[in-house]
């Protein structure tokens, strides 16, 4: 048994997956199955998609049903970055067209941290701890 995140988009799953694999090092699209001409979703939209960031795989799809809900920051991806530069670069790219919930800075729990919602509404916490004392 294994549990993994599953993101529901309404027509822009492929665009989101391309953003994520373009901004995170060691990320890739693992699977992209599309609806055909006979649906039930619009032809060419994502029926089943999967991408991977590091060792975490994430499933997603384009819902052909409109819902009265979307993503919320109450559930976010917490990403441990290898460098402070990654936090800044990734946070800047993900925040374009989205919003910054906590600007990049030094907080009591982190050397450098930022929390952003991307333009699709998905929430990302980016963290760099630096050297941990022995």
Protein backbone atom coordinates (compact mmCIF):
# COMPACT_ATOMS: atom_id res chain seq x y z
CA UNK A 1 0.00 0.00 0.00
CA UNK A 2 1.19 3.51 -0.71
CA UNK A 3 -0.35 6.95 -0.54
CA UNK A 4 0.51 9.82 -2.84
CA UNK A 5 -0.88 13.24 -3.69
CA UNK A 6 -3.51 13.54 -6.43
CA UNK A 7 -4.20 16.95 -7.96
CA UNK A 8 -7.43 17.74 -9.80
CA UNK A 9 -7.25 20.46 -12.41
CA UNK A 10 -9.97 21.78 -14.71
CA UNK A 11 -8.20 21.90 -18.05
CA UNK A 12 -4.62 22.90 -17.22
CA UNK A 13 -3.03 19.75 -15.74
CA UNK A 14 -0.50 19.48 -18.56
CA UNK A 15 0.51 23.15 -18.21
CA UNK A 16 0.97 22.68 -14.45
CA UNK A 17 3.02 19.51 -14.86
CA UNK A 18 5.27 21.24 -17.40
CA UNK A 19 5.81 24.13 -14.98
CA UNK A 20 6.74 21.79 -12.13
CA UNK A 21 9.18 19.63 -14.09
CA UNK A 22 10.70 22.77 -15.60
CA UNK A 23 11.41 24.45 -12.27
CA UNK A 24 12.42 21.57 -9.98
CA UNK A 25 15.75 19.79 -10.52
CA UNK A 26 15.46 16.02 -10.92
CA UNK A 27 11.78 16.22 -11.91
CA UNK A 28 10.04 14.48 -14.80
CA UNK A 29 6.67 13.69 -16.30
CA UNK A 30 6.21 9.97 -15.83
CA UNK A 31 2.84 9.49 -17.52
CA UNK A 32 0.45 11.49 -19.67
CA UNK A 33 -2.69 9.72 -20.88
CA UNK A 34 -5.26 11.87 -22.66
CA UNK A 35 -9.00 11.71 -23.21
CA UNK A 36 -9.89 10.57 -26.71
CA UNK A 37 -12.58 11.81 -29.05
CA UNK A 38 -15.24 9.83 -27.19
CA UNK A 39 -14.43 11.50 -23.80
CA UNK A 40 -15.80 11.77 -21.25
CA UNK A 41 -13.43 14.77 -20.94
CA UNK A 42 -12.46 17.14 -23.75
CA UNK A 43 -10.30 15.42 -26.35
CA UNK A 44 -6.61 15.86 -25.59
CA UNK A 45 -7.06 16.88 -21.95
CA UNK A 46 -5.29 14.85 -19.26
CA UNK A 47 -7.11 11.66 -18.28
CA UNK A 48 -4.27 10.38 -16.11
CA UNK A 49 -1.01 12.19 -15.50
CA UNK A 50 1.89 11.59 -13.18
CA UNK A 51 4.98 13.62 -12.47
CA UNK A 52 7.86 13.14 -10.06
CA UNK A 53 9.83 15.64 -8.01
CA UNK A 54 12.80 13.90 -6.39
CA UNK A 55 11.42 10.69 -4.94
CA UNK A 56 7.80 11.93 -4.67
CA UNK A 57 5.37 11.02 -7.42
CA UNK A 58 2.17 13.02 -7.84
CA UNK A 59 -0.89 11.96 -9.84
CA UNK A 60 -3.14 14.48 -11.56
CA UNK A 61 -5.89 14.85 -14.12
CA UNK A 62 -8.24 17.31 -15.77
CA UNK A 63 -11.74 16.98 -14.35
CA UNK A 64 -14.44 17.28 -16.97
CA UNK A 65 -16.88 18.24 -14.19
CA UNK A 66 -16.79 21.78 -12.79
CA UNK A 67 -16.54 21.83 -9.01
CA UNK A 68 -17.29 24.49 -6.40
CA UNK A 69 -13.86 23.96 -4.81
CA UNK A 70 -10.20 24.20 -5.70
CA UNK A 71 -6.83 23.90 -3.97
CA UNK A 72 -6.21 25.35 -0.52
CA UNK A 73 -2.97 26.19 1.35
CA UNK A 74 -4.20 23.94 4.16
CA UNK A 75 -2.51 21.21 2.10
CA UNK A 76 0.85 22.08 0.57
CA UNK A 77 4.00 20.52 -0.79
CA UNK A 78 6.94 21.00 1.59
CA UNK A 79 10.16 20.89 -0.43
CA UNK A 80 13.60 20.69 1.17
CA UNK A 81 15.87 22.52 -1.27
CA UNK A 82 19.60 21.80 -1.57
CA UNK A 83 20.62 25.47 -1.71
CA UNK A 84 19.33 28.89 -0.71
CA UNK A 85 19.50 29.87 -4.38
CA UNK A 86 17.01 27.10 -5.23
CA UNK A 87 14.53 28.46 -2.68
CA UNK A 88 14.75 31.91 -4.24
CA UNK A 89 14.67 30.75 -7.88
CA UNK A 90 11.88 28.17 -7.47
CA UNK A 91 9.83 30.46 -5.24
CA UNK A 92 10.05 33.31 -7.75
CA UNK A 93 8.97 31.12 -10.67
CA UNK A 94 6.12 29.44 -8.80
CA UNK A 95 4.77 32.75 -7.46
CA UNK A 96 4.46 34.25 -10.98
CA UNK A 97 0.72 34.68 -11.51
CA UNK A 98 0.08 33.27 -8.04
CA UNK A 99 0.68 34.71 -4.61
CA UNK A 100 3.28 34.83 -1.86
CA UNK A 101 1.96 33.65 1.51
CA UNK A 102 5.29 34.06 3.33
CA UNK A 103 8.10 35.96 1.58
CA UNK A 104 11.55 34.41 1.36
CA UNK A 105 13.30 35.04 4.63
CA UNK A 106 14.97 33.65 7.71
CA UNK A 107 12.42 32.37 10.16
CA UNK A 108 13.02 30.76 13.55
CA UNK A 109 12.58 27.29 12.10
CA UNK A 110 14.57 27.81 8.90
CA UNK A 111 17.61 29.53 7.45
CA UNK A 112 15.62 30.41 4.30
CA UNK A 113 11.94 29.69 3.73
CA UNK A 114 9.12 30.86 1.48
CA UNK A 115 5.52 29.75 1.01
CA UNK A 116 3.77 30.46 -2.29
CA UNK A 117 0.63 29.55 -4.18
CA UNK A 118 1.31 28.99 -7.87
CA UNK A 119 -0.96 30.29 -10.64
CA UNK A 120 -2.97 27.05 -10.50
CA UNK A 121 -3.63 27.45 -6.76
CA UNK A 122 -1.26 24.68 -5.63
CA UNK A 123 0.60 25.62 -2.44
CA UNK A 124 4.37 25.16 -2.03
CA UNK A 125 6.57 25.58 1.05
CA UNK A 126 10.24 25.82 0.05
CA UNK A 127 12.87 25.39 2.73
CA UNK A 128 16.65 25.48 3.05
CA UNK A 129 18.20 24.47 6.35
CA UNK A 130 21.85 24.95 5.50
CA UNK A 131 24.46 23.09 7.49
CA UNK A 132 22.97 21.27 10.46
CA UNK A 133 25.31 21.31 13.50
CA UNK A 134 26.64 17.90 14.52
